[in-house]
PDB file of all heavy atoms in Angstrom:
ATOM      1  N   ALA A   1       0.826  -1.200  -0.071  1.00  0.00           N
ATOM      2  CA  ALA A   1      -0.009  -0.055  -0.021  1.00  0.00           C
ATOM      3  C   ALA A   1       0.826   1.340  -0.056  1.00  0.00           C
ATOM      4  O   ALA A   1       0.581   2.228  -0.704  1.00  0.00           O
ATOM      5  CB  ALA A   1      -0.943  -0.037   1.183  1.00  0.00           C
ATOM      6  N   VAL A   2       2.000   1.232   0.883  1.00  0.00           N
ATOM      7  CA  VAL A   2       2.828   2.400   0.864  1.00  0.00           C
ATOM      8  C   VAL A   2       3.539   2.527  -0.370  1.00  0.00           C
ATOM      9  O   VAL A   2       3.731   3.753  -0.983  1.00  0.00           O
ATOM     10  CB  VAL A   2       3.775   2.205   1.916  1.00  0.00           C
ATOM     11  CG1 VAL A   2       4.899   3.280   2.044  1.00  0.00           C
ATOM     12  CG2 VAL A   2       3.150   2.256   3.342  1.00  0.00           C
ATOM     13  N   PHE A   3       3.905   1.489  -1.046  1.00  0.00           N
ATOM     14  CA  PHE A   3       4.578   1.405  -2.341  1.00  0.00           C
ATOM     15  C   PHE A   3       3.693   2.038  -3.397  1.00  0.00           C
ATOM     16  O   PHE A   3       3.980   2.942  -4.163  1.00  0.00           O
ATOM     17  CB  PHE A   3       5.052   0.083  -2.805  1.00  0.00           C
ATOM     18  CG  PHE A   3       5.688  -0.040  -4.118  1.00  0.00           C
ATOM     19  CD1 PHE A   3       7.005   0.543  -4.449  1.00  0.00           C
ATOM     20  CD2 PHE A   3       4.940  -0.527  -5.198  1.00  0.00           C
ATOM     21  CE1 PHE A   3       7.421   0.410  -5.650  1.00  0.00           C
ATOM     22  CE2 PHE A   3       5.383  -0.578  -6.389  1.00  0.00           C
ATOM     23  CZ  PHE A   3       6.723  -0.189  -6.688  1.00  0.00           C
ATOM     24  N   VAL A   4       2.391   1.580  -3.503  1.00  0.00           N
ATOM     25  CA  VAL A   4       1.470   2.018  -4.439  1.00  0.00           C
ATOM     26  C   VAL A   4       1.101   3.482  -4.207  1.00  0.00           C
ATOM     27  O   VAL A   4       1.064   4.342  -5.197  1.00  0.00           O
ATOM     28  CB  VAL A   4       0.191   1.145  -4.387  1.00  0.00           C
ATOM     29  CG1 VAL A   4      -0.863   1.788  -5.284  1.00  0.00           C
ATOM     30  CG2 VAL A   4       0.486  -0.284  -4.779  1.00  0.00           C
ATOM     31  N   PHE A   5       0.992   3.878  -2.970  1.00  0.00           N
ATOM     32  CA  PHE A   5       0.618   5.329  -2.719  1.00  0.00           C
ATOM     33  C   PHE A   5       1.720   6.142  -3.107  1.00  0.00           C
ATOM     34  O   PHE A   5       1.531   7.276  -3.673  1.00  0.00           O
ATOM     35  CB  PHE A   5       0.427   5.418  -1.132  1.00  0.00           C
ATOM     36  CG  PHE A   5       0.021   6.833  -0.698  1.00  0.00           C
ATOM     37  CD1 PHE A   5      -1.154   7.420  -0.981  1.00  0.00           C
ATOM     38  CD2 PHE A   5       1.032   7.599   0.009  1.00  0.00           C
ATOM     39  CE1 PHE A   5      -1.430   8.692  -0.638  1.00  0.00           C
ATOM     40  CE2 PHE A   5       0.791   8.853   0.264  1.00  0.00           C
ATOM     41  CZ  PHE A   5      -0.431   9.401   0.038  1.00  0.00           C
ATOM     42  N   GLY A   6       3.033   5.726  -2.837  1.00  0.00           N
ATOM     43  CA  GLY A   6       4.163   6.569  -3.234  1.00  0.00           C
ATOM     44  C   GLY A   6       4.391   6.715  -4.711  1.00  0.00           C
ATOM     45  O   GLY A   6       4.654   7.774  -5.209  1.00  0.00           O
ATOM     46  N   ILE A   7       4.093   5.679  -5.403  1.00  0.00           N
ATOM     47  CA  ILE A   7       4.229   5.611  -6.800  1.00  0.00           C
ATOM     48  C   ILE A   7       3.159   6.498  -7.530  1.00  0.00           C
ATOM     49  O   ILE A   7       3.332   7.338  -8.387  1.00  0.00           O
ATOM     50  CB  ILE A   7       4.180   4.256  -7.452  1.00  0.00           C
ATOM     51  CG1 ILE A   7       5.372   3.370  -7.134  1.00  0.00           C
ATOM     52  CG2 ILE A   7       3.988   4.233  -9.008  1.00  0.00           C
ATOM     53  CD1 ILE A   7       6.652   3.911  -7.739  1.00  0.00           C
ATOM     54  N   VAL A   8       1.939   6.355  -6.993  1.00  0.00           N
ATOM     55  CA  VAL A   8       0.773   7.196  -7.467  1.00  0.00           C
ATOM     56  C   VAL A   8       1.002   8.723  -7.295  1.00  0.00           C
ATOM     57  O   VAL A   8       0.933   9.504  -8.091  1.00  0.00           O
ATOM     58  CB  VAL A   8      -0.591   6.753  -6.844  1.00  0.00           C
ATOM     59  CG1 VAL A   8      -1.543   7.762  -7.268  1.00  0.00           C
ATOM     60  CG2 VAL A   8      -0.803   5.331  -7.425  1.00  0.00           C
ATOM     61  N   ARG A   9       1.517   8.953  -5.992  1.00  0.00           N
ATOM     62  CA  ARG A   9       1.835  10.435  -5.720  1.00  0.00           C
ATOM     63  C   ARG A   9       2.889  10.920  -6.592  1.00  0.00           C
ATOM     64  O   ARG A   9       2.812  12.087  -7.034  1.00  0.00           O
ATOM     65  CB  ARG A   9       2.141  10.506  -4.193  1.00  0.00           C
ATOM     66  CG  ARG A   9       0.962  10.418  -3.211  1.00  0.00           C
ATOM     67  CD  ARG A   9      -0.012  11.399  -3.300  1.00  0.00           C
ATOM     68  NE  ARG A   9       0.575  12.741  -3.174  1.00  0.00           N
ATOM     69  CZ  ARG A   9       0.577  13.267  -1.893  1.00  0.00           C
ATOM     70  NH1 ARG A   9       0.079  12.601  -0.870  1.00  0.00           N
ATOM     71  NH2 ARG A   9       1.150  14.529  -1.635  1.00  0.00           N
ATOM     72  N   PHE A  10       3.922  10.114  -6.609  1.00  0.00           N
ATOM     73  CA  PHE A  10       5.033  10.679  -7.432  1.00  0.00           C
ATOM     74  C   PHE A  10       4.681  10.876  -8.985  1.00  0.00           C
ATOM     75  O   PHE A  10       4.944  11.840  -9.553  1.00  0.00           O
ATOM     76  CB  PHE A  10       6.204   9.615  -7.436  1.00  0.00           C
ATOM     77  CG  PHE A  10       7.287   9.980  -8.333  1.00  0.00           C
ATOM     78  CD1 PHE A  10       8.292  10.929  -7.937  1.00  0.00           C
ATOM     79  CD2 PHE A  10       7.534   9.263  -9.554  1.00  0.00           C
ATOM     80  CE1 PHE A  10       9.370  11.264  -8.789  1.00  0.00           C
ATOM     81  CE2 PHE A  10       8.571   9.591 -10.320  1.00  0.00           C
ATOM     82  CZ  PHE A  10       9.545  10.539  -9.977  1.00  0.00           C
ATOM     83  N   PHE A  11       3.940   9.845  -9.512  1.00  0.00           N
ATOM     84  CA  PHE A  11       3.412  10.036 -10.843  1.00  0.00           C
ATOM     85  C   PHE A  11       2.540  11.193 -11.013  1.00  0.00           C
ATOM     86  O   PHE A  11       2.621  12.034 -12.049  1.00  0.00           O
ATOM     87  CB  PHE A  11       2.805   8.696 -11.375  1.00  0.00           C
ATOM     88  CG  PHE A  11       2.448   8.707 -12.737  1.00  0.00           C
ATOM     89  CD1 PHE A  11       3.393   8.606 -13.786  1.00  0.00           C
ATOM     90  CD2 PHE A  11       1.125   8.764 -13.169  1.00  0.00           C
ATOM     91  CE1 PHE A  11       3.008   8.610 -15.083  1.00  0.00           C
ATOM     92  CE2 PHE A  11       0.682   8.714 -14.528  1.00  0.00           C
ATOM     93  CZ  PHE A  11       1.639   8.625 -15.488  1.00  0.00           C
ATOM     94  N   SER A  12       1.535  11.362 -10.201  1.00  0.00           N
ATOM     95  CA  SER A  12       0.579  12.473 -10.289  1.00  0.00           C
ATOM     96  C   SER A  12       1.315  13.797 -10.122  1.00  0.00           C
ATOM     97  O   SER A  12       1.084  14.723 -10.921  1.00  0.00           O
ATOM     98  CB  SER A  12      -0.468  12.310  -9.152  1.00  0.00           C
ATOM     99  OG  SER A  12      -1.139  11.154  -9.280  1.00  0.00           O
ATOM    100  N   ALA A  13       2.153  13.869  -9.228  1.00  0.00           N
ATOM    101  CA  ALA A  13       2.952  15.235  -9.062  1.00  0.00           C
ATOM    102  C   ALA A  13       3.846  15.464 -10.180  1.00  0.00           C
ATOM    103  O   ALA A  13       3.893  16.682 -10.684  1.00  0.00           O
ATOM    104  CB  ALA A  13       3.839  15.034  -7.814  1.00  0.00           C
ATOM    105  N   ALA A  14       4.380  14.474 -10.883  1.00  0.00           N
ATOM    106  CA  ALA A  14       5.215  14.709 -12.075  1.00  0.00           C
ATOM    107  C   ALA A  14       4.363  15.154 -13.168  1.00  0.00           C
ATOM    108  O   ALA A  14       4.789  16.196 -13.941  1.00  0.00           O
ATOM    109  CB  ALA A  14       5.915  13.456 -12.463  1.00  0.00           C
ATOM    110  N   ILE A  15       3.130  14.644 -13.428  1.00  0.00           N
ATOM    111  CA  ILE A  15       2.219  15.128 -14.541  1.00  0.00           C
ATOM    112  C   ILE A  15       1.788  16.465 -14.254  1.00  0.00           C
ATOM    113  O   ILE A  15       1.872  17.254 -15.197  1.00  0.00           O
ATOM    114  CB  ILE A  15       1.144  14.111 -14.693  1.00  0.00           C
ATOM    115  CG1 ILE A  15       1.663  12.740 -15.119  1.00  0.00           C
ATOM    116  CG2 ILE A  15       0.052  14.602 -15.632  1.00  0.00           C
ATOM    117  CD1 ILE A  15       0.532  11.650 -15.315  1.00  0.00           C
ATOM    118  N   PHE A  16       1.269  16.674 -13.056  1.00  0.00           N
ATOM    119  CA  PHE A  16       0.843  18.024 -12.699  1.00  0.00           C
ATOM    120  C   PHE A  16       1.897  19.100 -12.885  1.00  0.00           C
ATOM    121  O   PHE A  16       1.688  20.134 -13.229  1.00  0.00           O
ATOM    122  CB  PHE A  16       0.096  18.141 -11.391  1.00  0.00           C
ATOM    123  CG  PHE A  16      -1.249  17.464 -11.407  1.00  0.00           C
ATOM    124  CD1 PHE A  16      -1.630  16.373 -10.675  1.00  0.00           C
ATOM    125  CD2 PHE A  16      -2.312  18.150 -12.124  1.00  0.00           C
ATOM    126  CE1 PHE A  16      -2.842  15.805 -10.835  1.00  0.00           C
ATOM    127  CE2 PHE A  16      -3.573  17.584 -12.127  1.00  0.00           C
ATOM    128  CZ  PHE A  16      -3.828  16.328 -11.430  1.00  0.00           C
ATOM    129  N   GLN A  17       3.074  18.651 -12.481  1.00  0.00           N
ATOM    130  CA  GLN A  17       4.253  19.644 -12.430  1.00  0.00           C
ATOM    131  C   GLN A  17       4.505  19.938 -13.990  1.00  0.00           C
ATOM    132  O   GLN A  17       4.833  21.104 -14.307  1.00  0.00           O
ATOM    133  CB  GLN A  17       5.521  19.008 -11.816  1.00  0.00           C
ATOM    134  CG  GLN A  17       6.653  20.101 -11.718  1.00  0.00           C
ATOM    135  CD  GLN A  17       7.808  19.390 -10.951  1.00  0.00           C
ATOM    136  OE1 GLN A  17       7.662  18.250 -10.562  1.00  0.00           O
ATOM    137  NE2 GLN A  17       8.820  20.177 -10.771  1.00  0.00           N
ATOM    138  N   GLN A  18       4.460  18.972 -14.888  1.00  0.00           N
ATOM    139  CA  GLN A  18       4.543  19.172 -16.266  1.00  0.00           C
ATOM    140  C   GLN A  18       3.560  20.122 -16.837  1.00  0.00           C
ATOM    141  O   GLN A  18       3.831  21.010 -17.649  1.00  0.00           O
ATOM    142  CB  GLN A  18       4.661  17.791 -16.945  1.00  0.00           C
ATOM    143  CG  GLN A  18       4.725  17.831 -18.446  1.00  0.00           C
ATOM    144  CD  GLN A  18       6.123  18.506 -18.879  1.00  0.00           C
ATOM    145  OE1 GLN A  18       7.148  18.206 -18.102  1.00  0.00           O
ATOM    146  NE2 GLN A  18       6.248  19.068 -19.999  1.00  0.00           N
ATOM    147  N   VAL A  19       2.311  19.867 -16.539  1.00  0.00           N
ATOM    148  CA  VAL A  19       1.273  20.803 -17.034  1.00  0.00           C
ATOM    149  C   VAL A  19       1.448  22.159 -16.494  1.00  0.00           C
ATOM    150  O   VAL A  19       1.206  23.116 -17.205  1.00  0.00           O
ATOM    151  CB  VAL A  19      -0.194  20.224 -16.446  1.00  0.00           C
ATOM    152  CG1 VAL A  19      -1.299  21.220 -16.892  1.00  0.00           C
ATOM    153  CG2 VAL A  19      -0.429  18.890 -17.136  1.00  0.00           C
ATOM    154  N   GLU A  20       1.842  22.286 -15.155  1.00  0.00           N
ATOM    155  CA  GLU A  20       2.050  23.588 -14.661  1.00  0.00           C
ATOM    156  C   GLU A  20       3.238  24.276 -15.327  1.00  0.00           C
ATOM    157  O   GLU A  20       3.190  25.546 -15.624  1.00  0.00           O
ATOM    158  CB  GLU A  20       2.340  23.471 -13.139  1.00  0.00           C
ATOM    159  CG  GLU A  20       2.708  24.848 -12.475  1.00  0.00           C
ATOM    160  CD  GLU A  20       2.910  24.618 -10.930  1.00  0.00           C
ATOM    161  OE1 GLU A  20       2.845  23.559 -10.349  1.00  0.00           O
ATOM    162  OE2 GLU A  20       3.393  25.653 -10.302  1.00  0.00           O
ATOM    163  N   SER A  21       4.250  23.525 -15.658  1.00  0.00           N
ATOM    164  CA  SER A  21       5.456  24.083 -16.405  1.00  0.00           C
ATOM    165  C   SER A  21       4.917  24.601 -17.786  1.00  0.00           C
ATOM    166  O   SER A  21       5.338  25.826 -18.271  1.00  0.00           O
ATOM    167  CB  SER A  21       6.526  23.055 -16.561  1.00  0.00           C
ATOM    168  OG  SER A  21       7.597  23.567 -17.241  1.00  0.00           O
ATOM    169  N   GLU A  22       4.151  23.857 -18.454  1.00  0.00           N
ATOM    170  CA  GLU A  22       3.635  24.341 -19.712  1.00  0.00           C
ATOM    171  C   GLU A  22       2.809  25.589 -19.618  1.00  0.00           C
ATOM    172  O   GLU A  22       2.851  26.480 -20.514  1.00  0.00           O
ATOM    173  CB  GLU A  22       2.810  23.132 -20.475  1.00  0.00           C
ATOM    174  CG  GLU A  22       3.789  21.923 -20.710  1.00  0.00           C
ATOM    175  CD  GLU A  22       2.979  20.793 -21.343  1.00  0.00           C
ATOM    176  OE1 GLU A  22       1.622  20.878 -21.365  1.00  0.00           O
ATOM    177  OE2 GLU A  22       3.523  19.795 -21.763  1.00  0.00           O
ATOM    178  N   LEU A  23       1.959  25.531 -18.618  1.00  0.00           N
ATOM    179  CA  LEU A  23       1.080  26.730 -18.449  1.00  0.00           C
ATOM    180  C   LEU A  23       1.967  27.954 -18.098  1.00  0.00           C
ATOM    181  O   LEU A  23       1.693  29.134 -18.478  1.00  0.00           O
ATOM    182  CB  LEU A  23      -0.015  26.488 -17.332  1.00  0.00           C
ATOM    183  CG  LEU A  23      -1.117  25.535 -17.603  1.00  0.00           C
ATOM    184  CD1 LEU A  23      -1.854  25.329 -16.351  1.00  0.00           C
ATOM    185  CD2 LEU A  23      -1.879  26.057 -18.777  1.00  0.00           C
ATOM    186  N   LYS A  24       3.010  27.669 -17.290  1.00  0.00           N
ATOM    187  CA  LYS A  24       3.797  28.969 -17.051  1.00  0.00           C
ATOM    188  C   LYS A  24       4.558  29.488 -18.257  1.00  0.00           C
ATOM    189  O   LYS A  24       4.655  30.663 -18.455  1.00  0.00           O
ATOM    190  CB  LYS A  24       4.992  28.478 -15.949  1.00  0.00           C
ATOM    191  CG  LYS A  24       5.622  29.644 -15.298  1.00  0.00           C
ATOM    192  CD  LYS A  24       6.497  29.223 -14.193  1.00  0.00           C
ATOM    193  CE  LYS A  24       7.314  30.357 -13.604  1.00  0.00           C
ATOM    194  NZ  LYS A  24       8.089  29.877 -12.408  1.00  0.00           N
ATOM    195  N   ASP A  25       5.071  28.503 -19.082  1.00  0.00           N
ATOM    196  CA  ASP A  25       5.687  28.977 -20.278  1.00  0.00           C
ATOM    197  C   ASP A  25       4.652  29.735 -21.176  1.00  0.00           C
ATOM    198  O   ASP A  25       4.988  30.807 -21.824  1.00  0.00           O
ATOM    199  CB  ASP A  25       6.266  27.794 -21.121  1.00  0.00           C
ATOM    200  CG  ASP A  25       7.341  27.102 -20.425  1.00  0.00           C
ATOM    201  OD1 ASP A  25       8.008  27.871 -19.527  1.00  0.00           O
ATOM    202  OD2 ASP A  25       7.674  25.853 -20.674  1.00  0.00           O
ATOM    203  N   THR A  26       3.464  29.258 -21.210  1.00  0.00           N
ATOM    204  CA  THR A  26       2.491  29.901 -22.120  1.00  0.00           C
ATOM    205  C   THR A  26       2.114  31.363 -21.444  1.00  0.00           C
ATOM    206  O   THR A  26       1.902  32.280 -22.233  1.00  0.00           O
ATOM    207  CB  THR A  26       1.088  29.054 -22.105  1.00  0.00           C
ATOM    208  OG1 THR A  26       1.503  27.818 -22.668  1.00  0.00           O
ATOM    209  CG2 THR A  26      -0.035  29.721 -22.932  1.00  0.00           C
ATOM    210  N   ALA A  27       2.063  31.299 -20.222  1.00  0.00           N
ATOM    211  CA  ALA A  27       1.687  32.588 -19.495  1.00  0.00           C
ATOM    212  C   ALA A  27       2.824  33.617 -19.795  1.00  0.00           C
ATOM    213  O   ALA A  27       2.495  34.794 -19.983  1.00  0.00           O
ATOM    214  CB  ALA A  27       1.504  32.412 -18.021  1.00  0.00           C
ATOM    215  N   LEU A  28       4.052  33.260 -19.706  1.00  0.00           N
ATOM    216  CA  LEU A  28       5.101  34.110 -19.952  1.00  0.00           C
ATOM    217  C   LEU A  28       5.173  34.617 -21.382  1.00  0.00           C
ATOM    218  O   LEU A  28       5.424  35.800 -21.669  1.00  0.00           O
ATOM    219  CB  LEU A  28       6.423  33.442 -19.588  1.00  0.00           C
ATOM    220  CG  LEU A  28       6.632  33.144 -18.012  1.00  0.00           C
ATOM    221  CD1 LEU A  28       7.910  32.415 -17.797  1.00  0.00           C
ATOM    222  CD2 LEU A  28       6.716  34.525 -17.260  1.00  0.00           C
ATOM    223  N   MET A  29       4.848  33.729 -22.298  1.00  0.00           N
ATOM    224  CA  MET A  29       4.782  34.200 -23.663  1.00  0.00           C
ATOM    225  C   MET A  29       3.674  35.142 -23.957  1.00  0.00           C
ATOM    226  O   MET A  29       3.839  36.118 -24.655  1.00  0.00           O
ATOM    227  CB  MET A  29       4.682  32.858 -24.599  1.00  0.00           C
ATOM    228  CG  MET A  29       4.642  33.167 -26.021  1.00  0.00           C
ATOM    229  SD  MET A  29       4.241  31.718 -27.046  1.00  0.00           S
ATOM    230  CE  MET A  29       2.541  31.537 -26.539  1.00  0.00           C
ATOM    231  N   LEU A  30       2.560  34.848 -23.355  1.00  0.00           N
ATOM    232  CA  LEU A  30       1.362  35.751 -23.543  1.00  0.00           C
ATOM    233  C   LEU A  30       1.680  37.106 -22.861  1.00  0.00           C
ATOM    234  O   LEU A  30       1.184  38.101 -23.353  1.00  0.00           O
ATOM    235  CB  LEU A  30       0.102  35.041 -22.983  1.00  0.00           C
ATOM    236  CG  LEU A  30      -0.401  33.859 -23.759  1.00  0.00           C
ATOM    237  CD1 LEU A  30      -1.556  33.262 -23.035  1.00  0.00           C
ATOM    238  CD2 LEU A  30      -0.874  34.292 -25.139  1.00  0.00           C
ATOM    239  N   LYS A  31       2.339  37.021 -21.816  1.00  0.00           N
ATOM    240  CA  LYS A  31       2.649  38.309 -21.107  1.00  0.00           C
ATOM    241  C   LYS A  31       3.523  39.159 -21.986  1.00  0.00           C
ATOM    242  O   LYS A  31       3.241  40.425 -22.128  1.00  0.00           O
ATOM    243  CB  LYS A  31       3.465  38.001 -19.910  1.00  0.00           C
ATOM    244  CG  LYS A  31       3.806  39.283 -19.026  1.00  0.00           C
ATOM    245  CD  LYS A  31       4.608  38.879 -17.756  1.00  0.00           C
ATOM    246  CE  LYS A  31       5.018  40.074 -17.070  1.00  0.00           C
ATOM    247  NZ  LYS A  31       5.782  39.775 -15.771  1.00  0.00           N
ATOM    248  N   GLY A  32       4.500  38.550 -22.673  1.00  0.00           N
ATOM    249  CA  GLY A  32       5.369  39.347 -23.647  1.00  0.00           C
ATOM    250  C   GLY A  32       4.477  39.787 -24.861  1.00  0.00           C
ATOM    251  O   GLY A  32       4.653  41.036 -25.252  1.00  0.00           O
ATOM    252  N   LEU A  33       3.540  39.045 -25.315  1.00  0.00           N
ATOM    253  CA  LEU A  33       2.730  39.431 -26.477  1.00  0.00           C
ATOM    254  C   LEU A  33       1.787  40.478 -26.015  1.00  0.00           C
ATOM    255  O   LEU A  33       1.380  41.397 -26.778  1.00  0.00           O
ATOM    256  CB  LEU A  33       1.935  38.254 -26.972  1.00  0.00           C
ATOM    257  CG  LEU A  33       2.864  37.111 -27.723  1.00  0.00           C
ATOM    258  CD1 LEU A  33       1.957  35.920 -28.102  1.00  0.00           C
ATOM    259  CD2 LEU A  33       3.509  37.730 -28.983  1.00  0.00           C
ATOM    260  N   LEU A  34       1.253  40.349 -24.769  1.00  0.00           N
ATOM    261  CA  LEU A  34       0.164  41.234 -24.386  1.00  0.00           C
ATOM    262  C   LEU A  34       0.819  42.710 -24.279  1.00  0.00           C
ATOM    263  O   LEU A  34       0.067  43.689 -24.478  1.00  0.00           O
ATOM    264  CB  LEU A  34      -0.273  40.735 -23.057  1.00  0.00           C
ATOM    265  CG  LEU A  34      -1.441  41.646 -22.443  1.00  0.00           C
ATOM    266  CD1 LEU A  34      -2.718  41.592 -23.299  1.00  0.00           C
ATOM    267  CD2 LEU A  34      -1.758  41.049 -21.011  1.00  0.00           C
ATOM    268  N   PHE A  35       1.952  42.877 -23.900  1.00  0.00           N
ATOM    269  CA  PHE A  35       2.488  44.166 -23.543  1.00  0.00           C
ATOM    270  C   PHE A  35       3.445  44.662 -24.519  1.00  0.00           C
ATOM    271  O   PHE A  35       4.349  45.497 -24.275  1.00  0.00           O
ATOM    272  CB  PHE A  35       2.987  44.254 -22.153  1.00  0.00           C
ATOM    273  CG  PHE A  35       1.912  44.013 -21.115  1.00  0.00           C
ATOM    274  CD1 PHE A  35       1.862  42.663 -20.420  1.00  0.00           C
ATOM    275  CD2 PHE A  35       0.991  44.876 -20.907  1.00  0.00           C
ATOM    276  CE1 PHE A  35       0.933  42.538 -19.481  1.00  0.00           C
ATOM    277  CE2 PHE A  35       0.008  44.699 -19.820  1.00  0.00           C
ATOM    278  CZ  PHE A  35       0.022  43.425 -19.164  1.00  0.00           C
ATOM    279  N   MET A  36       3.568  44.059 -25.728  1.00  0.00           N
ATOM    280  CA  MET A  36       4.408  44.494 -26.785  1.00  0.00           C
ATOM    281  C   MET A  36       3.610  45.618 -27.623  1.00  0.00           C
ATOM    282  O   MET A  36       4.287  46.279 -28.458  1.00  0.00           O
ATOM    283  CB  MET A  36       4.816  43.293 -27.674  1.00  0.00           C
ATOM    284  CG  MET A  36       6.032  42.518 -26.910  1.00  0.00           C
ATOM    285  SD  MET A  36       6.452  41.161 -27.922  1.00  0.00           S
ATOM    286  CE  MET A  36       7.106  42.027 -29.454  1.00  0.00           C
ATOM    287  N   ALA A  37       2.430  45.608 -27.532  1.00  0.00           N
ATOM    288  CA  ALA A  37       1.545  46.608 -28.243  1.00  0.00           C
ATOM    289  C   ALA A  37       1.869  48.051 -27.954  1.00  0.00           C
ATOM    290  O   ALA A  37       2.321  48.294 -26.691  1.00  0.00           O
ATOM    291  CB  ALA A  37       0.118  46.388 -28.068  1.00  0.00           C
ATOM    292  N   GLU A  38       1.927  48.914 -28.773  1.00  0.00           N
ATOM    293  CA  GLU A  38       2.312  50.328 -28.547  1.00  0.00           C
ATOM    294  C   GLU A  38       1.294  51.020 -27.674  1.00  0.00           C
ATOM    295  O   GLU A  38       1.523  51.921 -26.899  1.00  0.00           O
ATOM    296  CB  GLU A  38       2.473  51.061 -29.872  1.00  0.00           C
ATOM    297  CG  GLU A  38       3.662  50.498 -30.690  1.00  0.00           C
ATOM    298  CD  GLU A  38       3.908  51.295 -31.943  1.00  0.00           C
ATOM    299  OE1 GLU A  38       3.014  52.026 -32.199  1.00  0.00           O
ATOM    300  OE2 GLU A  38       4.898  51.034 -32.565  1.00  0.00           O
ATOM    301  N   GLU A  39      -0.049  50.736 -27.919  1.00  0.00           N
ATOM    302  CA  GLU A  39      -1.164  51.445 -27.183  1.00  0.00           C
ATOM    303  C   GLU A  39      -1.834  50.356 -26.235  1.00  0.00           C
ATOM    304  O   GLU A  39      -2.786  49.807 -26.683  1.00  0.00           O
ATOM    305  CB  GLU A  39      -2.036  52.058 -28.050  1.00  0.00           C
ATOM    306  CG  GLU A  39      -1.460  53.213 -28.977  1.00  0.00           C
ATOM    307  CD  GLU A  39      -2.505  53.846 -29.925  1.00  0.00           C
ATOM    308  OE1 GLU A  39      -3.536  53.232 -30.055  1.00  0.00           O
ATOM    309  OE2 GLU A  39      -2.061  54.794 -30.481  1.00  0.00           O
TER     310      GLU A  39
END
């Protein structure tokens, strides 16, 4: 049970961390696009 719980937690954390990283990259890119306009 401890082994399964650890594996599941580790795998879930890794996936969500990957999604968060992708969202962060997207946000930073949009931030640059958003404020590059002159007006």
